[in-house]
Amino acid sequence: MGVSTKQATDQYLLLQGRQFALDLLESFGEQLYSPKGVAHAIDRLTSATQNKPEGYVAGILDIIEVLKKARP
């Protein structure tokens, strides 16, 4: 696998991880407006990183970081 192919794969996995995280957050609905809901979402996203490719995990972690910064 060439460098450019690996970079494209990593970018694809990063975007897939972010999209997964956003889809999961959307499923929380109104719960995300409470601190407890945000904490639960972070826990669920963190557990979703287990046994996943590095690029995919990086995408999920990007969303977790945004949630942590937005916590009240």
PDB file of N, CA and C in Angstrom:
ATOM      1  N   MET A   1       0.852  -1.181   0.000  1.00  0.00           N
ATOM      2  CA  MET A   1       0.000   0.000   0.000  1.00  0.00           C
ATOM      3  C   MET A   1       0.888   1.230   0.000  1.00  0.00           C
ATOM      4  N   GLY A   2       0.688   2.103  -0.950  1.00  0.00           N
ATOM      5  CA  GLY A   2       1.484   3.313  -1.051  1.00  0.00           C
ATOM      6  C   GLY A   2       1.099   4.334   0.003  1.00  0.00           C
ATOM      7  N   VAL A   3       1.950   5.325   0.159  1.00  0.00           N
ATOM      8  CA  VAL A   3       1.699   6.365   1.153  1.00  0.00           C
ATOM      9  C   VAL A   3       0.387   7.091   0.881  1.00  0.00           C
ATOM     10  N   SER A   4       0.137   7.457  -0.361  1.00  0.00           N
ATOM     11  CA  SER A   4      -1.085   8.203  -0.662  1.00  0.00           C
ATOM     12  C   SER A   4      -2.326   7.344  -0.439  1.00  0.00           C
ATOM     13  N   THR A   5      -2.237   6.058  -0.699  1.00  0.00           N
ATOM     14  CA  THR A   5      -3.368   5.160  -0.445  1.00  0.00           C
ATOM     15  C   THR A   5      -3.612   5.041   1.051  1.00  0.00           C
ATOM     16  N   LYS A   6      -2.542   4.941   1.832  1.00  0.00           N
ATOM     17  CA  LYS A   6      -2.686   4.854   3.290  1.00  0.00           C
ATOM     18  C   LYS A   6      -3.293   6.142   3.839  1.00  0.00           C
ATOM     19  N   GLN A   7      -2.847   7.277   3.340  1.00  0.00           N
ATOM     20  CA  GLN A   7      -3.392   8.552   3.802  1.00  0.00           C
ATOM     21  C   GLN A   7      -4.873   8.661   3.456  1.00  0.00           C
ATOM     22  N   ALA A   8      -5.240   8.221   2.269  1.00  0.00           N
ATOM     23  CA  ALA A   8      -6.644   8.261   1.864  1.00  0.00           C
ATOM     24  C   ALA A   8      -7.480   7.338   2.742  1.00  0.00           C
ATOM     25  N   THR A   9      -6.940   6.165   3.068  1.00  0.00           N
ATOM     26  CA  THR A   9      -7.640   5.223   3.934  1.00  0.00           C
ATOM     27  C   THR A   9      -7.802   5.815   5.332  1.00  0.00           C
ATOM     28  N   ASP A  10      -6.733   6.407   5.854  1.00  0.00           N
ATOM     29  CA  ASP A  10      -6.803   7.022   7.185  1.00  0.00           C
ATOM     30  C   ASP A  10      -7.826   8.151   7.206  1.00  0.00           C
ATOM     31  N   GLN A  11      -7.850   8.976   6.178  1.00  0.00           N
ATOM     32  CA  GLN A  11      -8.810  10.080   6.109  1.00  0.00           C
ATOM     33  C   GLN A  11     -10.232   9.535   6.030  1.00  0.00           C
ATOM     34  N   TYR A  12     -10.421   8.486   5.237  1.00  0.00           N
ATOM     35  CA  TYR A  12     -11.741   7.861   5.114  1.00  0.00           C
ATOM     36  C   TYR A  12     -12.204   7.322   6.469  1.00  0.00           C
ATOM     37  N   LEU A  13     -11.309   6.625   7.178  1.00  0.00           N
ATOM     38  CA  LEU A  13     -11.669   6.078   8.493  1.00  0.00           C
ATOM     39  C   LEU A  13     -11.963   7.184   9.498  1.00  0.00           C
ATOM     40  N   LEU A  14     -11.195   8.258   9.438  1.00  0.00           N
ATOM     41  CA  LEU A  14     -11.431   9.406  10.318  1.00  0.00           C
ATOM     42  C   LEU A  14     -12.839   9.956  10.099  1.00  0.00           C
ATOM     43  N   LEU A  15     -13.198  10.147   8.836  1.00  0.00           N
ATOM     44  CA  LEU A  15     -14.532  10.669   8.523  1.00  0.00           C
ATOM     45  C   LEU A  15     -15.628   9.693   8.916  1.00  0.00           C
ATOM     46  N   GLN A  16     -15.380   8.409   8.735  1.00  0.00           N
ATOM     47  CA  GLN A  16     -16.363   7.398   9.129  1.00  0.00           C
ATOM     48  C   GLN A  16     -16.553   7.389  10.644  1.00  0.00           C
ATOM     49  N   GLY A  17     -15.467   7.525  11.378  1.00  0.00           N
ATOM     50  CA  GLY A  17     -15.552   7.576  12.845  1.00  0.00           C
ATOM     51  C   GLY A  17     -16.331   8.790  13.311  1.00  0.00           C
ATOM     52  N   ARG A  18     -16.068   9.931  12.703  1.00  0.00           N
ATOM     53  CA  ARG A  18     -16.809  11.151  13.058  1.00  0.00           C
ATOM     54  C   ARG A  18     -18.295  10.993  12.750  1.00  0.00           C
ATOM     55  N   GLN A  19     -18.599  10.421  11.586  1.00  0.00           N
ATOM     56  CA  GLN A  19     -20.002  10.252  11.205  1.00  0.00           C
ATOM     57  C   GLN A  19     -20.714   9.294  12.147  1.00  0.00           C
ATOM     58  N   PHE A  20     -20.040   8.212  12.528  1.00  0.00           N
ATOM     59  CA  PHE A  20     -20.619   7.280  13.491  1.00  0.00           C
ATOM     60  C   PHE A  20     -20.941   8.006  14.791  1.00  0.00           C
ATOM     61  N   ALA A  21     -19.976   8.804  15.271  1.00  0.00           N
ATOM     62  CA  ALA A  21     -20.164   9.526  16.532  1.00  0.00           C
ATOM     63  C   ALA A  21     -21.328  10.512  16.427  1.00  0.00           C
ATOM     64  N   LEU A  22     -21.418  11.216  15.317  1.00  0.00           N
ATOM     65  CA  LEU A  22     -22.513  12.172  15.136  1.00  0.00           C
ATOM     66  C   LEU A  22     -23.866  11.464  15.058  1.00  0.00           C
ATOM     67  N   ASP A  23     -23.903  10.314  14.391  1.00  0.00           N
ATOM     68  CA  ASP A  23     -25.145   9.536  14.323  1.00  0.00           C
ATOM     69  C   ASP A  23     -25.561   9.054  15.708  1.00  0.00           C
ATOM     70  N   LEU A  24     -24.580   8.621  16.494  1.00  0.00           N
ATOM     71  CA  LEU A  24     -24.884   8.176  17.856  1.00  0.00           C
ATOM     72  C   LEU A  24     -25.419   9.340  18.686  1.00  0.00           C
ATOM     73  N   LEU A  25     -24.792  10.503  18.558  1.00  0.00           N
ATOM     74  CA  LEU A  25     -25.254  11.674  19.301  1.00  0.00           C
ATOM     75  C   LEU A  25     -26.673  12.060  18.891  1.00  0.00           C
ATOM     76  N   GLU A  26     -26.960  11.950  17.623  1.00  0.00           N
ATOM     77  CA  GLU A  26     -28.304  12.279  17.153  1.00  0.00           C
ATOM     78  C   GLU A  26     -29.343  11.366  17.800  1.00  0.00           C
ATOM     79  N   SER A  27     -28.974  10.135  18.053  1.00  0.00           N
ATOM     80  CA  SER A  27     -29.910   9.192  18.675  1.00  0.00           C
ATOM     81  C   SER A  27     -30.216   9.553  20.125  1.00  0.00           C
ATOM     82  N   PHE A  28     -29.379  10.375  20.747  1.00  0.00           N
ATOM     83  CA  PHE A  28     -29.615  10.789  22.136  1.00  0.00           C
ATOM     84  C   PHE A  28     -30.709  11.849  22.243  1.00  0.00           C
ATOM     85  N   GLY A  29     -30.946  12.570  21.160  1.00  0.00           N
ATOM     86  CA  GLY A  29     -32.006  13.575  21.147  1.00  0.00           C
ATOM     87  C   GLY A  29     -31.861  14.595  22.264  1.00  0.00           C
ATOM     88  N   GLU A  30     -32.963  14.825  22.971  1.00  0.00           N
ATOM     89  CA  GLU A  30     -33.023  15.843  24.022  1.00  0.00           C
ATOM     90  C   GLU A  30     -32.100  15.554  25.207  1.00  0.00           C
ATOM     91  N   GLN A  31     -31.685  14.313  25.365  1.00  0.00           N
ATOM     92  CA  GLN A  31     -30.807  13.954  26.485  1.00  0.00           C
ATOM     93  C   GLN A  31     -29.489  14.734  26.460  1.00  0.00           C
ATOM     94  N   LEU A  32     -29.080  15.139  25.269  1.00  0.00           N
ATOM     95  CA  LEU A  32     -27.810  15.851  25.160  1.00  0.00           C
ATOM     96  C   LEU A  32     -27.854  17.253  25.756  1.00  0.00           C
ATOM     97  N   TYR A  33     -29.030  17.716  26.127  1.00  0.00           N
ATOM     98  CA  TYR A  33     -29.147  19.040  26.730  1.00  0.00           C
ATOM     99  C   TYR A  33     -28.911  19.022  28.232  1.00  0.00           C
ATOM    100  N   SER A  34     -28.643  17.850  28.787  1.00  0.00           N
ATOM    101  CA  SER A  34     -28.362  17.762  30.221  1.00  0.00           C
ATOM    102  C   SER A  34     -26.925  17.272  30.429  1.00  0.00           C
ATOM    103  N   PRO A  35     -26.296  17.692  31.505  1.00  0.00           N
ATOM    104  CA  PRO A  35     -24.935  17.230  31.792  1.00  0.00           C
ATOM    105  C   PRO A  35     -24.849  15.702  31.892  1.00  0.00           C
ATOM    106  N   LYS A  36     -25.875  15.096  32.481  1.00  0.00           N
ATOM    107  CA  LYS A  36     -25.883  13.635  32.615  1.00  0.00           C
ATOM    108  C   LYS A  36     -25.947  12.972  31.239  1.00  0.00           C
ATOM    109  N   GLY A  37     -26.733  13.536  30.335  1.00  0.00           N
ATOM    110  CA  GLY A  37     -26.842  13.002  28.982  1.00  0.00           C
ATOM    111  C   GLY A  37     -25.536  13.103  28.219  1.00  0.00           C
ATOM    112  N   VAL A  38     -24.851  14.231  28.378  1.00  0.00           N
ATOM    113  CA  VAL A  38     -23.554  14.420  27.712  1.00  0.00           C
ATOM    114  C   VAL A  38     -22.543  13.413  28.262  1.00  0.00           C
ATOM    115  N   ALA A  39     -22.536  13.231  29.573  1.00  0.00           N
ATOM    116  CA  ALA A  39     -21.617  12.265  30.188  1.00  0.00           C
ATOM    117  C   ALA A  39     -21.898  10.850  29.679  1.00  0.00           C
ATOM    118  N   HIS A  40     -23.176  10.516  29.549  1.00  0.00           N
ATOM    119  CA  HIS A  40     -23.540   9.188  29.047  1.00  0.00           C
ATOM    120  C   HIS A  40     -23.099   9.036  27.587  1.00  0.00           C
ATOM    121  N   ALA A  41     -23.268  10.072  26.798  1.00  0.00           N
ATOM    122  CA  ALA A  41     -22.845  10.038  25.401  1.00  0.00           C
ATOM    123  C   ALA A  41     -21.332   9.846  25.298  1.00  0.00           C
ATOM    124  N   ILE A  42     -20.583  10.542  26.132  1.00  0.00           N
ATOM    125  CA  ILE A  42     -19.122  10.399  26.137  1.00  0.00           C
ATOM    126  C   ILE A  42     -18.743   8.972  26.507  1.00  0.00           C
ATOM    127  N   ASP A  43     -19.418   8.403  27.498  1.00  0.00           N
ATOM    128  CA  ASP A  43     -19.148   7.016  27.895  1.00  0.00           C
ATOM    129  C   ASP A  43     -19.429   6.049  26.749  1.00  0.00           C
ATOM    130  N   ARG A  44     -20.554   6.242  26.077  1.00  0.00           N
ATOM    131  CA  ARG A  44     -20.921   5.355  24.963  1.00  0.00           C
ATOM    132  C   ARG A  44     -19.921   5.480  23.821  1.00  0.00           C
ATOM    133  N   LEU A  45     -19.523   6.709  23.512  1.00  0.00           N
ATOM    134  CA  LEU A  45     -18.559   6.909  22.432  1.00  0.00           C
ATOM    135  C   LEU A  45     -17.200   6.313  22.792  1.00  0.00           C
ATOM    136  N   THR A  46     -16.795   6.479  24.035  1.00  0.00           N
ATOM    137  CA  THR A  46     -15.519   5.923  24.486  1.00  0.00           C
ATOM    138  C   THR A  46     -15.523   4.404  24.361  1.00  0.00           C
ATOM    139  N   SER A  47     -16.607   3.777  24.762  1.00  0.00           N
ATOM    140  CA  SER A  47     -16.670   2.319  24.652  1.00  0.00           C
ATOM    141  C   SER A  47     -16.722   1.869  23.189  1.00  0.00           C
ATOM    142  N   ALA A  48     -17.214   2.724  22.315  1.00  0.00           N
ATOM    143  CA  ALA A  48     -17.290   2.384  20.891  1.00  0.00           C
ATOM    144  C   ALA A  48     -15.922   2.404  20.211  1.00  0.00           C
ATOM    145  N   THR A  49     -14.905   2.924  20.884  1.00  0.00           N
ATOM    146  CA  THR A  49     -13.574   2.973  20.287  1.00  0.00           C
ATOM    147  C   THR A  49     -12.814   1.658  20.440  1.00  0.00           C
ATOM    148  N   GLN A  50     -13.349   0.752  21.224  1.00  0.00           N
ATOM    149  CA  GLN A  50     -12.655  -0.517  21.471  1.00  0.00           C
ATOM    150  C   GLN A  50     -12.559  -1.354  20.197  1.00  0.00           C
ATOM    151  N   ASN A  51     -11.377  -1.869  19.934  1.00  0.00           N
ATOM    152  CA  ASN A  51     -11.124  -2.779  18.813  1.00  0.00           C
ATOM    153  C   ASN A  51     -11.481  -2.194  17.446  1.00  0.00           C
ATOM    154  N   LYS A  52     -11.263  -0.904  17.292  1.00  0.00           N
ATOM    155  CA  LYS A  52     -11.523  -0.228  16.018  1.00  0.00           C
ATOM    156  C   LYS A  52     -10.192   0.265  15.447  1.00  0.00           C
ATOM    157  N   PRO A  53     -10.129   0.461  14.129  1.00  0.00           N
ATOM    158  CA  PRO A  53      -8.900   0.989  13.520  1.00  0.00           C
ATOM    159  C   PRO A  53      -8.554   2.378  14.055  1.00  0.00           C
ATOM    160  N   GLU A  54      -7.279   2.677  14.053  1.00  0.00           N
ATOM    161  CA  GLU A  54      -6.764   3.934  14.615  1.00  0.00           C
ATOM    162  C   GLU A  54      -7.435   5.169  14.027  1.00  0.00           C
ATOM    163  N   GLY A  55      -7.588   5.216  12.714  1.00  0.00           N
ATOM    164  CA  GLY A  55      -8.204   6.377  12.074  1.00  0.00           C
ATOM    165  C   GLY A  55      -9.651   6.558  12.495  1.00  0.00           C
ATOM    166  N   TYR A  56     -10.371   5.465  12.611  1.00  0.00           N
ATOM    167  CA  TYR A  56     -11.775   5.492  13.026  1.00  0.00           C
ATOM    168  C   TYR A  56     -11.894   6.023  14.458  1.00  0.00           C
ATOM    169  N   VAL A  57     -11.013   5.530  15.318  1.00  0.00           N
ATOM    170  CA  VAL A  57     -10.982   5.983  16.715  1.00  0.00           C
ATOM    171  C   VAL A  57     -10.676   7.474  16.785  1.00  0.00           C
ATOM    172  N   ALA A  58      -9.773   7.942  15.959  1.00  0.00           N
ATOM    173  CA  ALA A  58      -9.427   9.369  15.949  1.00  0.00           C
ATOM    174  C   ALA A  58     -10.645  10.222  15.619  1.00  0.00           C
ATOM    175  N   GLY A  59     -11.475   9.761  14.700  1.00  0.00           N
ATOM    176  CA  GLY A  59     -12.694  10.496  14.365  1.00  0.00           C
ATOM    177  C   GLY A  59     -13.658  10.567  15.533  1.00  0.00           C
ATOM    178  N   ILE A  60     -13.818   9.459  16.240  1.00  0.00           N
ATOM    179  CA  ILE A  60     -14.689   9.436  17.423  1.00  0.00           C
ATOM    180  C   ILE A  60     -14.125  10.344  18.510  1.00  0.00           C
ATOM    181  N   LEU A  61     -12.815  10.277  18.704  1.00  0.00           N
ATOM    182  CA  LEU A  61     -12.184  11.101  19.741  1.00  0.00           C
ATOM    183  C   LEU A  61     -12.315  12.596  19.442  1.00  0.00           C
ATOM    184  N   ASP A  62     -12.337  12.968  18.168  1.00  0.00           N
ATOM    185  CA  ASP A  62     -12.566  14.378  17.808  1.00  0.00           C
ATOM    186  C   ASP A  62     -13.915  14.849  18.351  1.00  0.00           C
ATOM    187  N   ILE A  63     -14.934  14.032  18.194  1.00  0.00           N
ATOM    188  CA  ILE A  63     -16.269  14.396  18.656  1.00  0.00           C
ATOM    189  C   ILE A  63     -16.334  14.388  20.185  1.00  0.00           C
ATOM    190  N   ILE A  64     -15.672  13.441  20.815  1.00  0.00           N
ATOM    191  CA  ILE A  64     -15.626  13.404  22.282  1.00  0.00           C
ATOM    192  C   ILE A  64     -14.994  14.685  22.805  1.00  0.00           C
ATOM    193  N   GLU A  65     -13.944  15.134  22.160  1.00  0.00           N
ATOM    194  CA  GLU A  65     -13.254  16.362  22.588  1.00  0.00           C
ATOM    195  C   GLU A  65     -14.185  17.568  22.499  1.00  0.00           C
ATOM    196  N   VAL A  66     -14.958  17.650  21.446  1.00  0.00           N
ATOM    197  CA  VAL A  66     -15.917  18.752  21.297  1.00  0.00           C
ATOM    198  C   VAL A  66     -16.956  18.684  22.428  1.00  0.00           C
ATOM    199  N   LEU A  67     -17.435  17.485  22.721  1.00  0.00           N
ATOM    200  CA  LEU A  67     -18.425  17.342  23.818  1.00  0.00           C
ATOM    201  C   LEU A  67     -17.835  17.780  25.154  1.00  0.00           C
ATOM    202  N   LYS A  68     -16.603  17.398  25.419  1.00  0.00           N
ATOM    203  CA  LYS A  68     -15.969  17.764  26.689  1.00  0.00           C
ATOM    204  C   LYS A  68     -15.812  19.278  26.816  1.00  0.00           C
ATOM    205  N   LYS A  69     -15.497  19.946  25.722  1.00  0.00           N
ATOM    206  CA  LYS A  69     -15.344  21.404  25.748  1.00  0.00           C
ATOM    207  C   LYS A  69     -16.686  22.109  25.909  1.00  0.00           C
ATOM    208  N   ALA A  70     -17.740  21.477  25.443  1.00  0.00           N
ATOM    209  CA  ALA A  70     -19.067  22.099  25.481  1.00  0.00           C
ATOM    210  C   ALA A  70     -19.822  21.822  26.772  1.00  0.00           C
ATOM    211  N   ARG A  71     -19.262  20.989  27.637  1.00  0.00           N
ATOM    212  CA  ARG A  71     -19.949  20.654  28.888  1.00  0.00           C
ATOM    213  C   ARG A  71     -20.167  21.899  29.735  1.00  0.00           C
ATOM    214  N   PRO A  72     -21.362  21.969  30.352  1.00  0.00           N
ATOM    215  CA  PRO A  72     -21.627  23.123  31.237  1.00  0.00           C
ATOM    216  C   PRO A  72     -20.803  23.076  32.499  1.00  0.00           C
TER     217      PRO A  72
END
